[in-house]
Amino acid sequence: MGLEYYLMLSALLFTTGVVGVLVRRNAIIIFMCIELMLNAANLAFVAISRSLGQTEGQVFVFFVMTVAAAEVAIGLAIIVSVFKHRQTINVDEVNSLKG
């Protein structure tokens, strides 16, 4: 398979993530769509890196995955905390972080 197929798949995944962030109102679904966009960017990095025969893209993906793992831990903790205090994770109903 050529580079263009991987880039088209990456663009499709990224577009799906953007649509999910803009359309959905559930915080967990939005969070998953952001992770989908990160993975689409990672796929593009790896595909281009492989086609050029270099490893810099793959190293960059490793660091992006590390930051994404930290984001998941902190983001889910914030979502759980908001749910515990507000009893909802709908972003329209949680419009401020005041206690």
N, C-alpha and C. Protein backbone atom coordinates (compact mmCIF):
# COMPACT_ATOMS: atom_id res chain seq x y z
N MET A 1 0.85 -1.19 0.00
CA MET A 1 0.00 0.00 0.00
C MET A 1 0.89 1.24 0.00
N GLY A 2 0.44 2.22 -0.71
CA GLY A 2 1.21 3.44 -0.84
C GLY A 2 0.92 4.43 0.29
N LEU A 3 1.73 5.46 0.31
CA LEU A 3 1.61 6.50 1.32
C LEU A 3 0.25 7.20 1.26
N GLU A 4 -0.29 7.37 0.08
CA GLU A 4 -1.54 8.12 -0.05
C GLU A 4 -2.70 7.43 0.66
N TYR A 5 -2.70 6.10 0.71
CA TYR A 5 -3.77 5.38 1.40
C TYR A 5 -3.71 5.63 2.91
N TYR A 6 -2.50 5.61 3.45
CA TYR A 6 -2.36 5.89 4.88
C TYR A 6 -2.75 7.32 5.21
N LEU A 7 -2.39 8.25 4.36
CA LEU A 7 -2.74 9.64 4.60
C LEU A 7 -4.25 9.88 4.45
N MET A 8 -4.87 9.19 3.51
CA MET A 8 -6.33 9.31 3.38
C MET A 8 -7.04 8.72 4.61
N LEU A 9 -6.54 7.58 5.11
CA LEU A 9 -7.11 7.00 6.32
C LEU A 9 -6.91 7.94 7.50
N SER A 10 -5.74 8.53 7.59
CA SER A 10 -5.46 9.48 8.67
C SER A 10 -6.40 10.69 8.58
N ALA A 11 -6.60 11.19 7.37
CA ALA A 11 -7.51 12.34 7.20
C ALA A 11 -8.94 11.97 7.55
N LEU A 12 -9.36 10.76 7.19
CA LEU A 12 -10.71 10.30 7.53
C LEU A 12 -10.89 10.17 9.04
N LEU A 13 -9.90 9.60 9.72
CA LEU A 13 -9.97 9.48 11.17
C LEU A 13 -9.98 10.86 11.83
N PHE A 14 -9.15 11.77 11.34
CA PHE A 14 -9.09 13.10 11.92
C PHE A 14 -10.41 13.84 11.71
N THR A 15 -10.98 13.71 10.53
CA THR A 15 -12.27 14.35 10.24
C THR A 15 -13.38 13.79 11.12
N THR A 16 -13.36 12.47 11.32
CA THR A 16 -14.34 11.85 12.21
C THR A 16 -14.21 12.40 13.63
N GLY A 17 -12.97 12.58 14.09
CA GLY A 17 -12.75 13.15 15.41
C GLY A 17 -13.23 14.58 15.53
N VAL A 18 -12.97 15.38 14.52
CA VAL A 18 -13.42 16.78 14.54
C VAL A 18 -14.93 16.86 14.55
N VAL A 19 -15.58 16.06 13.72
CA VAL A 19 -17.05 16.05 13.69
C VAL A 19 -17.60 15.61 15.05
N GLY A 20 -16.98 14.61 15.66
CA GLY A 20 -17.42 14.16 16.97
C GLY A 20 -17.29 15.22 18.04
N VAL A 21 -16.20 15.99 18.00
CA VAL A 21 -16.01 17.06 18.98
C VAL A 21 -17.04 18.16 18.77
N LEU A 22 -17.34 18.49 17.52
CA LEU A 22 -18.27 19.59 17.25
C LEU A 22 -19.73 19.21 17.45
N VAL A 23 -20.08 17.94 17.26
CA VAL A 23 -21.48 17.53 17.28
C VAL A 23 -21.91 17.01 18.65
N ARG A 24 -21.07 16.23 19.28
CA ARG A 24 -21.46 15.56 20.53
C ARG A 24 -21.41 16.51 21.71
N ARG A 25 -22.20 16.22 22.74
CA ARG A 25 -22.23 17.03 23.94
C ARG A 25 -21.81 16.25 25.18
N ASN A 26 -21.51 14.98 25.04
CA ASN A 26 -21.07 14.15 26.16
C ASN A 26 -19.55 14.31 26.31
N ALA A 27 -19.09 14.62 27.52
CA ALA A 27 -17.67 14.90 27.74
C ALA A 27 -16.79 13.70 27.42
N ILE A 28 -17.24 12.51 27.72
CA ILE A 28 -16.42 11.32 27.46
C ILE A 28 -16.32 11.07 25.95
N ILE A 29 -17.39 11.26 25.21
CA ILE A 29 -17.35 11.10 23.76
C ILE A 29 -16.42 12.15 23.14
N ILE A 30 -16.49 13.38 23.61
CA ILE A 30 -15.60 14.43 23.12
C ILE A 30 -14.16 14.06 23.41
N PHE A 31 -13.92 13.54 24.59
CA PHE A 31 -12.58 13.12 25.00
C PHE A 31 -12.06 12.01 24.08
N MET A 32 -12.91 11.04 23.76
CA MET A 32 -12.52 9.96 22.86
C MET A 32 -12.25 10.48 21.45
N CYS A 33 -13.01 11.47 21.01
CA CYS A 33 -12.78 12.04 19.68
C CYS A 33 -11.46 12.79 19.62
N ILE A 34 -11.08 13.45 20.69
CA ILE A 34 -9.77 14.10 20.74
C ILE A 34 -8.66 13.07 20.65
N GLU A 35 -8.82 11.95 21.33
CA GLU A 35 -7.83 10.87 21.24
C GLU A 35 -7.79 10.30 19.82
N LEU A 36 -8.93 10.23 19.15
CA LEU A 36 -8.96 9.76 17.77
C LEU A 36 -8.18 10.70 16.86
N MET A 37 -8.30 12.00 17.10
CA MET A 37 -7.55 12.96 16.31
C MET A 37 -6.05 12.83 16.56
N LEU A 38 -5.66 12.59 17.81
CA LEU A 38 -4.24 12.37 18.10
C LEU A 38 -3.71 11.12 17.40
N ASN A 39 -4.50 10.07 17.39
CA ASN A 39 -4.07 8.84 16.72
C ASN A 39 -4.01 9.02 15.21
N ALA A 40 -4.88 9.83 14.64
CA ALA A 40 -4.82 10.11 13.21
C ALA A 40 -3.54 10.86 12.87
N ALA A 41 -3.16 11.82 13.70
CA ALA A 41 -1.90 12.53 13.48
C ALA A 41 -0.72 11.58 13.63
N ASN A 42 -0.78 10.68 14.60
CA ASN A 42 0.29 9.69 14.77
C ASN A 42 0.42 8.79 13.55
N LEU A 43 -0.70 8.38 12.99
CA LEU A 43 -0.67 7.54 11.79
C LEU A 43 0.00 8.27 10.63
N ALA A 44 -0.30 9.55 10.48
CA ALA A 44 0.33 10.33 9.42
C ALA A 44 1.83 10.47 9.65
N PHE A 45 2.22 10.72 10.90
CA PHE A 45 3.65 10.81 11.22
C PHE A 45 4.39 9.52 10.88
N VAL A 46 3.83 8.40 11.29
CA VAL A 46 4.49 7.11 11.05
C VAL A 46 4.53 6.80 9.56
N ALA A 47 3.47 7.07 8.85
CA ALA A 47 3.43 6.77 7.41
C ALA A 47 4.45 7.61 6.65
N ILE A 48 4.53 8.89 6.96
CA ILE A 48 5.50 9.75 6.27
C ILE A 48 6.92 9.37 6.67
N SER A 49 7.12 9.07 7.94
CA SER A 49 8.44 8.66 8.41
C SER A 49 8.90 7.39 7.71
N ARG A 50 7.99 6.45 7.56
CA ARG A 50 8.34 5.18 6.91
C ARG A 50 8.63 5.38 5.42
N SER A 51 7.86 6.24 4.79
CA SER A 51 8.08 6.46 3.36
C SER A 51 9.40 7.18 3.08
N LEU A 52 9.84 8.02 4.02
CA LEU A 52 11.11 8.72 3.87
C LEU A 52 12.30 7.90 4.36
N GLY A 53 12.02 6.81 5.05
CA GLY A 53 13.09 5.96 5.57
C GLY A 53 13.80 6.55 6.77
N GLN A 54 13.11 7.41 7.52
CA GLN A 54 13.70 8.03 8.70
C GLN A 54 12.92 7.61 9.93
N THR A 55 13.51 7.80 11.09
CA THR A 55 12.86 7.37 12.33
C THR A 55 12.37 8.55 13.18
N GLU A 56 12.60 9.78 12.74
CA GLU A 56 12.21 10.93 13.56
C GLU A 56 10.70 10.99 13.80
N GLY A 57 9.91 10.64 12.80
CA GLY A 57 8.46 10.63 12.96
C GLY A 57 8.00 9.61 13.97
N GLN A 58 8.64 8.46 13.98
CA GLN A 58 8.27 7.42 14.93
C GLN A 58 8.66 7.80 16.35
N VAL A 59 9.79 8.48 16.50
CA VAL A 59 10.20 8.96 17.82
C VAL A 59 9.22 10.03 18.31
N PHE A 60 8.80 10.90 17.41
CA PHE A 60 7.83 11.94 17.77
C PHE A 60 6.51 11.31 18.21
N VAL A 61 6.10 10.25 17.52
CA VAL A 61 4.87 9.55 17.89
C VAL A 61 4.98 8.97 19.29
N PHE A 62 6.14 8.47 19.63
CA PHE A 62 6.35 7.93 20.99
C PHE A 62 6.10 9.00 22.04
N PHE A 63 6.61 10.20 21.81
CA PHE A 63 6.40 11.29 22.76
C PHE A 63 4.95 11.76 22.79
N VAL A 64 4.30 11.78 21.63
CA VAL A 64 2.88 12.16 21.58
C VAL A 64 2.04 11.15 22.35
N MET A 65 2.35 9.86 22.23
CA MET A 65 1.61 8.84 22.97
C MET A 65 1.84 8.97 24.47
N THR A 66 3.03 9.36 24.87
CA THR A 66 3.32 9.57 26.29
C THR A 66 2.49 10.72 26.84
N VAL A 67 2.43 11.81 26.11
CA VAL A 67 1.63 12.96 26.54
C VAL A 67 0.15 12.60 26.53
N ALA A 68 -0.30 11.82 25.54
CA ALA A 68 -1.70 11.41 25.47
C ALA A 68 -2.08 10.54 26.66
N ALA A 69 -1.17 9.68 27.10
CA ALA A 69 -1.46 8.85 28.27
C ALA A 69 -1.63 9.70 29.52
N ALA A 70 -0.79 10.71 29.67
CA ALA A 70 -0.93 11.62 30.81
C ALA A 70 -2.23 12.42 30.70
N GLU A 71 -2.58 12.81 29.49
CA GLU A 71 -3.83 13.55 29.27
C GLU A 71 -5.03 12.70 29.65
N VAL A 72 -4.99 11.43 29.30
CA VAL A 72 -6.11 10.53 29.64
C VAL A 72 -6.26 10.42 31.14
N ALA A 73 -5.16 10.25 31.84
CA ALA A 73 -5.24 10.11 33.31
C ALA A 73 -5.82 11.37 33.95
N ILE A 74 -5.33 12.52 33.54
CA ILE A 74 -5.80 13.77 34.14
C ILE A 74 -7.21 14.11 33.66
N GLY A 75 -7.47 13.93 32.38
CA GLY A 75 -8.79 14.25 31.83
C GLY A 75 -9.90 13.41 32.42
N LEU A 76 -9.66 12.12 32.55
CA LEU A 76 -10.69 11.26 33.15
C LEU A 76 -10.90 11.59 34.63
N ALA A 77 -9.84 11.97 35.32
CA ALA A 77 -10.00 12.37 36.73
C ALA A 77 -10.86 13.63 36.83
N ILE A 78 -10.66 14.56 35.93
CA ILE A 78 -11.47 15.79 35.93
C ILE A 78 -12.93 15.46 35.59
N ILE A 79 -13.15 14.60 34.61
CA ILE A 79 -14.51 14.23 34.23
C ILE A 79 -15.22 13.53 35.38
N VAL A 80 -14.53 12.62 36.07
CA VAL A 80 -15.13 11.91 37.21
C VAL A 80 -15.45 12.90 38.33
N SER A 81 -14.56 13.85 38.58
CA SER A 81 -14.80 14.85 39.62
C SER A 81 -16.00 15.73 39.29
N VAL A 82 -16.10 16.17 38.03
CA VAL A 82 -17.25 16.98 37.62
C VAL A 82 -18.53 16.18 37.73
N PHE A 83 -18.50 14.90 37.34
CA PHE A 83 -19.70 14.07 37.45
C PHE A 83 -20.11 13.89 38.90
N LYS A 84 -19.13 13.75 39.79
CA LYS A 84 -19.45 13.55 41.20
C LYS A 84 -20.14 14.78 41.79
N HIS A 85 -19.74 15.97 41.35
CA HIS A 85 -20.32 17.20 41.90
C HIS A 85 -21.59 17.64 41.17
N ARG A 86 -21.68 17.40 39.88
CA ARG A 86 -22.81 17.90 39.09
C ARG A 86 -23.81 16.83 38.68
N GLN A 87 -23.46 15.55 38.79
CA GLN A 87 -24.31 14.42 38.39
C GLN A 87 -24.61 14.43 36.89
N THR A 88 -23.76 15.06 36.10
CA THR A 88 -23.91 15.05 34.65
C THR A 88 -22.55 15.27 34.01
N ILE A 89 -22.40 14.75 32.79
CA ILE A 89 -21.18 15.02 32.03
C ILE A 89 -21.53 15.68 30.70
N ASN A 90 -22.74 16.20 30.60
CA ASN A 90 -23.16 16.93 29.43
C ASN A 90 -22.50 18.31 29.47
N VAL A 91 -21.75 18.67 28.42
CA VAL A 91 -21.00 19.92 28.46
C VAL A 91 -21.89 21.15 28.40
N ASP A 92 -23.11 21.02 27.93
CA ASP A 92 -24.03 22.17 27.93
C ASP A 92 -24.51 22.50 29.34
N GLU A 93 -24.64 21.50 30.17
CA GLU A 93 -25.12 21.72 31.54
C GLU A 93 -23.99 22.09 32.49
N VAL A 94 -22.78 21.75 32.16
CA VAL A 94 -21.62 22.09 32.99
C VAL A 94 -20.92 23.26 32.31
N ASN A 95 -21.41 24.46 32.60
CA ASN A 95 -20.88 25.63 31.91
C ASN A 95 -19.88 26.42 32.74
N SER A 96 -19.72 26.08 34.00
CA SER A 96 -18.71 26.75 34.82
C SER A 96 -18.16 25.76 35.83
N LEU A 97 -16.99 26.03 36.32
CA LEU A 97 -16.35 25.14 37.29
C LEU A 97 -16.50 25.66 38.71
N LYS A 98 -17.42 26.60 38.93
CA LYS A 98 -17.65 27.09 40.27
C LYS A 98 -18.30 26.00 41.11
N GLY A 99 -17.94 25.94 42.38
CA GLY A 99 -18.50 24.91 43.28
C GLY A 99 -19.73 25.35 43.88
